[in-house]
Amino acid sequence: SANILFIDQPADIGYSYSNTLKGYISNDTLSTRLCYDFLKKWLIKHPQYLKNPLFIVGESYSGITLPLIVNEVYKGLEAGDKPMLNMKVQLQKTQYFVVLSNRTNHMTIVLGALR
């Protein structure tokens, strides 16, 4: 079985919204930090998912933010942040390529052009 958690951010993208104007202020760095903070808080509230392998997947503009989020996760792992996320791999779909990156052995695989 698998569990999927969709994070639709920043506010005003897709179905996401904010109840305040401040919630619409965003940039890639802030979005990255908020996504990582949300993921940790969500897993603290739902610890039954902590042992599941964590695959971070994105598409479209997340080709920019996804590597930043994965980097935040790895920095947190190296710093011993709690909860310890069971990070396995990142999958990124850009307009042209699907890229798999496994930081454990520092490899990147490009799976070919998308049409």
N, C-alpha and C. Protein backbone atom coordinates (compact mmCIF):
# COMPACT_ATOMS: atom_id res chain seq x y z
N SER A 1 0.84 -1.18 0.00
CA SER A 1 0.00 0.00 0.00
C SER A 1 0.88 1.24 0.00
N ALA A 2 0.29 2.35 -0.36
CA ALA A 2 1.02 3.62 -0.42
C ALA A 2 0.15 4.71 0.17
N ASN A 3 0.80 5.74 0.66
CA ASN A 3 0.12 6.92 1.17
C ASN A 3 0.67 8.11 0.41
N ILE A 4 -0.22 9.02 0.03
CA ILE A 4 0.18 10.21 -0.72
C ILE A 4 -0.32 11.44 0.02
N LEU A 5 0.57 12.40 0.20
CA LEU A 5 0.23 13.68 0.79
C LEU A 5 0.52 14.74 -0.27
N PHE A 6 -0.52 15.44 -0.71
CA PHE A 6 -0.35 16.51 -1.70
C PHE A 6 -0.18 17.83 -0.97
N ILE A 7 0.85 18.57 -1.30
CA ILE A 7 1.07 19.90 -0.75
C ILE A 7 1.00 20.87 -1.93
N ASP A 8 -0.01 21.68 -1.93
CA ASP A 8 -0.28 22.61 -3.01
C ASP A 8 0.13 24.00 -2.54
N GLN A 9 1.29 24.45 -2.92
CA GLN A 9 1.79 25.73 -2.42
C GLN A 9 2.70 26.39 -3.44
N PRO A 10 2.87 27.68 -3.41
CA PRO A 10 2.41 28.65 -2.42
C PRO A 10 0.92 28.96 -2.59
N ALA A 11 0.40 29.77 -1.67
CA ALA A 11 -1.01 30.14 -1.72
C ALA A 11 -1.35 30.75 -3.07
N ASP A 12 -2.55 30.45 -3.53
CA ASP A 12 -3.11 30.92 -4.80
C ASP A 12 -2.62 30.11 -5.99
N ILE A 13 -2.00 28.97 -5.72
CA ILE A 13 -1.60 28.04 -6.77
C ILE A 13 -2.52 26.82 -6.65
N GLY A 14 -3.08 26.39 -7.76
CA GLY A 14 -3.98 25.24 -7.69
C GLY A 14 -5.17 25.56 -6.81
N TYR A 15 -5.41 24.71 -5.81
CA TYR A 15 -6.56 24.89 -4.92
C TYR A 15 -6.18 25.58 -3.61
N SER A 16 -4.94 25.98 -3.45
CA SER A 16 -4.50 26.57 -2.18
C SER A 16 -4.93 28.03 -2.09
N TYR A 17 -5.12 28.48 -0.88
CA TYR A 17 -5.52 29.86 -0.63
C TYR A 17 -5.05 30.26 0.76
N SER A 18 -5.18 31.54 1.04
CA SER A 18 -4.84 32.06 2.36
C SER A 18 -6.00 32.90 2.87
N ASN A 19 -6.16 32.93 4.17
CA ASN A 19 -7.20 33.77 4.78
C ASN A 19 -6.70 35.19 5.03
N THR A 20 -5.40 35.43 4.80
CA THR A 20 -4.84 36.76 5.00
C THR A 20 -4.01 37.17 3.79
N LEU A 21 -3.83 38.46 3.61
CA LEU A 21 -2.98 38.94 2.51
C LEU A 21 -1.54 38.52 2.72
N LYS A 22 -1.09 38.46 3.98
CA LYS A 22 0.27 38.06 4.28
C LYS A 22 0.56 36.65 3.75
N GLY A 23 -0.46 35.80 3.73
CA GLY A 23 -0.29 34.44 3.25
C GLY A 23 0.05 34.33 1.77
N TYR A 24 -0.19 35.41 1.02
CA TYR A 24 0.11 35.41 -0.40
C TYR A 24 1.52 35.91 -0.71
N ILE A 25 2.22 36.40 0.30
CA ILE A 25 3.60 36.85 0.11
C ILE A 25 4.49 35.63 0.09
N SER A 26 5.24 35.46 -1.00
CA SER A 26 6.02 34.23 -1.12
C SER A 26 7.20 34.44 -2.05
N ASN A 27 8.18 33.58 -1.90
CA ASN A 27 9.29 33.44 -2.83
C ASN A 27 9.77 32.00 -2.69
N ASP A 28 10.70 31.59 -3.50
CA ASP A 28 11.13 30.19 -3.50
C ASP A 28 11.72 29.77 -2.16
N THR A 29 12.51 30.64 -1.55
CA THR A 29 13.14 30.32 -0.27
C THR A 29 12.09 30.16 0.82
N LEU A 30 11.14 31.09 0.88
CA LEU A 30 10.08 31.01 1.89
C LEU A 30 9.20 29.78 1.65
N SER A 31 8.83 29.54 0.41
CA SER A 31 8.00 28.36 0.09
C SER A 31 8.70 27.07 0.49
N THR A 32 10.00 27.01 0.25
CA THR A 32 10.78 25.83 0.63
C THR A 32 10.73 25.61 2.13
N ARG A 33 10.98 26.67 2.89
CA ARG A 33 11.00 26.57 4.35
C ARG A 33 9.62 26.18 4.89
N LEU A 34 8.57 26.81 4.35
CA LEU A 34 7.21 26.51 4.81
C LEU A 34 6.82 25.07 4.48
N CYS A 35 7.21 24.59 3.32
CA CYS A 35 6.89 23.21 2.94
C CYS A 35 7.59 22.23 3.87
N TYR A 36 8.86 22.46 4.15
CA TYR A 36 9.61 21.58 5.05
C TYR A 36 9.02 21.63 6.46
N ASP A 37 8.73 22.83 6.94
CA ASP A 37 8.13 22.96 8.28
C ASP A 37 6.78 22.25 8.35
N PHE A 38 5.96 22.42 7.30
CA PHE A 38 4.67 21.74 7.28
C PHE A 38 4.84 20.22 7.31
N LEU A 39 5.75 19.72 6.50
CA LEU A 39 5.97 18.28 6.43
C LEU A 39 6.37 17.72 7.80
N LYS A 40 7.28 18.40 8.49
CA LYS A 40 7.68 17.94 9.82
C LYS A 40 6.51 17.99 10.80
N LYS A 41 5.76 19.09 10.80
CA LYS A 41 4.62 19.21 11.72
C LYS A 41 3.55 18.17 11.42
N TRP A 42 3.32 17.90 10.13
CA TRP A 42 2.31 16.92 9.76
C TRP A 42 2.73 15.53 10.25
N LEU A 43 4.00 15.20 10.09
CA LEU A 43 4.48 13.89 10.52
C LEU A 43 4.52 13.76 12.04
N ILE A 44 4.71 14.85 12.74
CA ILE A 44 4.62 14.81 14.21
C ILE A 44 3.18 14.50 14.63
N LYS A 45 2.22 15.07 13.93
CA LYS A 45 0.81 14.81 14.24
C LYS A 45 0.36 13.42 13.77
N HIS A 46 1.06 12.86 12.81
CA HIS A 46 0.70 11.56 12.23
C HIS A 46 1.93 10.64 12.24
N PRO A 47 2.44 10.30 13.41
CA PRO A 47 3.70 9.55 13.50
C PRO A 47 3.65 8.15 12.88
N GLN A 48 2.48 7.63 12.62
CA GLN A 48 2.38 6.30 12.02
C GLN A 48 2.98 6.28 10.61
N TYR A 49 3.20 7.46 10.01
CA TYR A 49 3.76 7.53 8.66
C TYR A 49 5.28 7.77 8.65
N LEU A 50 5.87 7.96 9.81
CA LEU A 50 7.30 8.29 9.87
C LEU A 50 8.20 7.19 9.32
N LYS A 51 7.82 5.95 9.47
CA LYS A 51 8.68 4.85 8.99
C LYS A 51 8.53 4.61 7.49
N ASN A 52 7.48 5.15 6.89
CA ASN A 52 7.29 4.98 5.44
C ASN A 52 8.40 5.69 4.68
N PRO A 53 8.87 5.11 3.58
CA PRO A 53 9.85 5.82 2.75
C PRO A 53 9.24 7.12 2.23
N LEU A 54 10.02 8.17 2.23
CA LEU A 54 9.55 9.47 1.77
C LEU A 54 10.11 9.75 0.38
N PHE A 55 9.23 9.87 -0.57
CA PHE A 55 9.58 10.23 -1.94
C PHE A 55 8.96 11.59 -2.19
N ILE A 56 9.76 12.58 -2.55
CA ILE A 56 9.24 13.91 -2.84
C ILE A 56 9.15 14.06 -4.34
N VAL A 57 7.95 14.34 -4.83
CA VAL A 57 7.67 14.38 -6.25
C VAL A 57 7.06 15.73 -6.59
N GLY A 58 7.41 16.26 -7.74
CA GLY A 58 6.82 17.52 -8.16
C GLY A 58 6.74 17.60 -9.67
N GLU A 59 6.06 18.63 -10.15
CA GLU A 59 5.98 18.85 -11.58
C GLU A 59 5.90 20.34 -11.86
N SER A 60 6.13 20.71 -13.09
CA SER A 60 6.07 22.08 -13.54
C SER A 60 7.07 22.95 -12.78
N TYR A 61 6.63 24.03 -12.16
CA TYR A 61 7.55 24.97 -11.50
C TYR A 61 8.28 24.33 -10.33
N SER A 62 7.76 23.23 -9.82
CA SER A 62 8.47 22.58 -8.71
C SER A 62 9.83 22.06 -9.15
N GLY A 63 10.11 22.08 -10.44
CA GLY A 63 11.46 21.78 -10.90
C GLY A 63 12.47 22.77 -10.33
N ILE A 64 11.97 23.94 -9.93
CA ILE A 64 12.80 24.94 -9.27
C ILE A 64 12.82 24.69 -7.76
N THR A 65 11.65 24.51 -7.16
CA THR A 65 11.56 24.44 -5.71
C THR A 65 11.83 23.05 -5.14
N LEU A 66 11.55 22.01 -5.89
CA LEU A 66 11.72 20.65 -5.37
C LEU A 66 13.15 20.35 -4.92
N PRO A 67 14.17 20.70 -5.70
CA PRO A 67 15.53 20.46 -5.20
C PRO A 67 15.83 21.26 -3.93
N LEU A 68 15.24 22.45 -3.79
CA LEU A 68 15.43 23.23 -2.57
C LEU A 68 14.79 22.54 -1.38
N ILE A 69 13.60 21.98 -1.58
CA ILE A 69 12.90 21.27 -0.50
C ILE A 69 13.68 20.03 -0.10
N VAL A 70 14.13 19.26 -1.09
CA VAL A 70 14.92 18.06 -0.80
C VAL A 70 16.19 18.43 -0.06
N ASN A 71 16.81 19.53 -0.45
CA ASN A 71 18.02 19.98 0.23
C ASN A 71 17.71 20.34 1.69
N GLU A 72 16.56 20.98 1.95
CA GLU A 72 16.16 21.29 3.33
C GLU A 72 15.99 20.00 4.14
N VAL A 73 15.36 19.00 3.52
CA VAL A 73 15.16 17.72 4.21
C VAL A 73 16.52 17.11 4.56
N TYR A 74 17.45 17.10 3.61
CA TYR A 74 18.77 16.51 3.88
C TYR A 74 19.56 17.31 4.90
N LYS A 75 19.46 18.63 4.85
CA LYS A 75 20.13 19.44 5.87
C LYS A 75 19.54 19.13 7.25
N GLY A 76 18.23 18.94 7.31
CA GLY A 76 17.59 18.58 8.58
C GLY A 76 18.03 17.22 9.06
N LEU A 77 18.17 16.27 8.14
CA LEU A 77 18.64 14.93 8.52
C LEU A 77 20.06 15.00 9.07
N GLU A 78 20.91 15.76 8.39
CA GLU A 78 22.30 15.88 8.82
C GLU A 78 22.40 16.59 10.17
N ALA A 79 21.47 17.51 10.43
CA ALA A 79 21.48 18.27 11.69
C ALA A 79 20.78 17.51 12.82
N GLY A 80 20.13 16.40 12.48
CA GLY A 80 19.42 15.62 13.49
C GLY A 80 18.06 16.18 13.84
N ASP A 81 17.47 17.00 12.94
CA ASP A 81 16.13 17.54 13.19
C ASP A 81 15.13 16.42 13.45
N LYS A 82 14.19 16.70 14.32
CA LYS A 82 13.11 15.76 14.60
C LYS A 82 11.83 16.30 14.00
N PRO A 83 10.99 15.45 13.45
CA PRO A 83 11.19 14.01 13.33
C PRO A 83 12.18 13.69 12.21
N MET A 84 12.80 12.52 12.32
CA MET A 84 13.72 12.07 11.28
C MET A 84 12.89 11.56 10.11
N LEU A 85 13.01 12.22 8.97
CA LEU A 85 12.25 11.84 7.79
C LEU A 85 12.97 10.70 7.07
N ASN A 86 12.22 9.74 6.59
CA ASN A 86 12.76 8.56 5.93
C ASN A 86 12.92 8.83 4.43
N MET A 87 13.75 9.83 4.12
CA MET A 87 13.93 10.29 2.74
C MET A 87 14.61 9.23 1.89
N LYS A 88 14.06 8.99 0.72
CA LYS A 88 14.63 7.99 -0.19
C LYS A 88 15.12 8.62 -1.48
N VAL A 89 14.29 9.34 -2.17
CA VAL A 89 14.65 9.82 -3.50
C VAL A 89 13.76 11.01 -3.85
N GLN A 90 14.25 11.84 -4.75
CA GLN A 90 13.40 12.90 -5.28
C GLN A 90 13.10 12.59 -6.73
N LEU A 91 11.90 12.92 -7.17
CA LEU A 91 11.52 12.76 -8.57
C LEU A 91 11.02 14.10 -9.04
N GLN A 92 11.58 14.55 -10.12
CA GLN A 92 11.26 15.88 -10.62
C GLN A 92 10.89 15.77 -12.09
N LYS A 93 9.72 16.25 -12.45
CA LYS A 93 9.31 16.24 -13.85
C LYS A 93 9.35 17.69 -14.35
N THR A 94 10.23 17.96 -15.27
CA THR A 94 10.28 19.27 -15.89
C THR A 94 9.64 19.13 -17.27
N GLN A 95 9.66 20.17 -18.02
CA GLN A 95 9.07 20.11 -19.36
C GLN A 95 9.81 19.11 -20.24
N TYR A 96 11.08 18.89 -19.97
CA TYR A 96 11.89 18.08 -20.86
C TYR A 96 12.37 16.76 -20.29
N PHE A 97 12.58 16.67 -19.00
CA PHE A 97 13.18 15.48 -18.45
C PHE A 97 12.52 15.07 -17.14
N VAL A 98 12.62 13.79 -16.83
CA VAL A 98 12.34 13.30 -15.49
C VAL A 98 13.70 13.01 -14.87
N VAL A 99 13.95 13.56 -13.71
CA VAL A 99 15.24 13.40 -13.06
C VAL A 99 15.05 12.69 -11.73
N LEU A 100 15.73 11.58 -11.55
CA LEU A 100 15.76 10.89 -10.26
C LEU A 100 17.07 11.24 -9.59
N SER A 101 17.00 11.59 -8.34
CA SER A 101 18.22 11.95 -7.63
C SER A 101 18.19 11.29 -6.27
N ASN A 102 19.22 10.50 -5.97
CA ASN A 102 19.32 9.81 -4.69
C ASN A 102 20.56 10.34 -3.99
N ARG A 103 20.34 11.18 -2.99
CA ARG A 103 21.48 11.83 -2.35
C ARG A 103 22.33 10.85 -1.55
N THR A 104 21.77 9.70 -1.21
CA THR A 104 22.53 8.74 -0.42
C THR A 104 23.83 8.37 -1.13
N ASN A 105 23.75 8.11 -2.43
CA ASN A 105 24.98 7.80 -3.15
C ASN A 105 25.28 8.84 -4.23
N HIS A 106 24.66 10.00 -4.12
CA HIS A 106 24.93 11.16 -4.96
C HIS A 106 24.86 10.84 -6.45
N MET A 107 23.78 10.21 -6.87
CA MET A 107 23.64 9.94 -8.29
C MET A 107 22.41 10.64 -8.83
N THR A 108 22.48 10.99 -10.09
CA THR A 108 21.34 11.57 -10.77
C THR A 108 21.13 10.79 -12.05
N ILE A 109 19.89 10.45 -12.35
CA ILE A 109 19.55 9.70 -13.56
C ILE A 109 18.54 10.53 -14.33
N VAL A 110 18.85 10.82 -15.58
CA VAL A 110 17.90 11.51 -16.45
C VAL A 110 17.19 10.44 -17.27
N LEU A 111 15.86 10.43 -17.19
CA LEU A 111 15.10 9.37 -17.83
C LEU A 111 14.63 9.70 -19.23
N GLY A 112 15.02 10.83 -19.78
CA GLY A 112 14.72 11.11 -21.17
C GLY A 112 13.74 12.24 -21.35
N ALA A 113 13.64 12.68 -22.57
CA ALA A 113 12.80 13.81 -22.90
C ALA A 113 11.32 13.44 -22.83
N LEU A 114 10.53 14.35 -22.31
CA LEU A 114 9.08 14.20 -22.29
C LEU A 114 8.50 14.98 -23.45
N ARG A 115 7.43 14.46 -24.01
CA ARG A 115 6.81 15.17 -25.13
C ARG A 115 5.36 15.41 -24.83
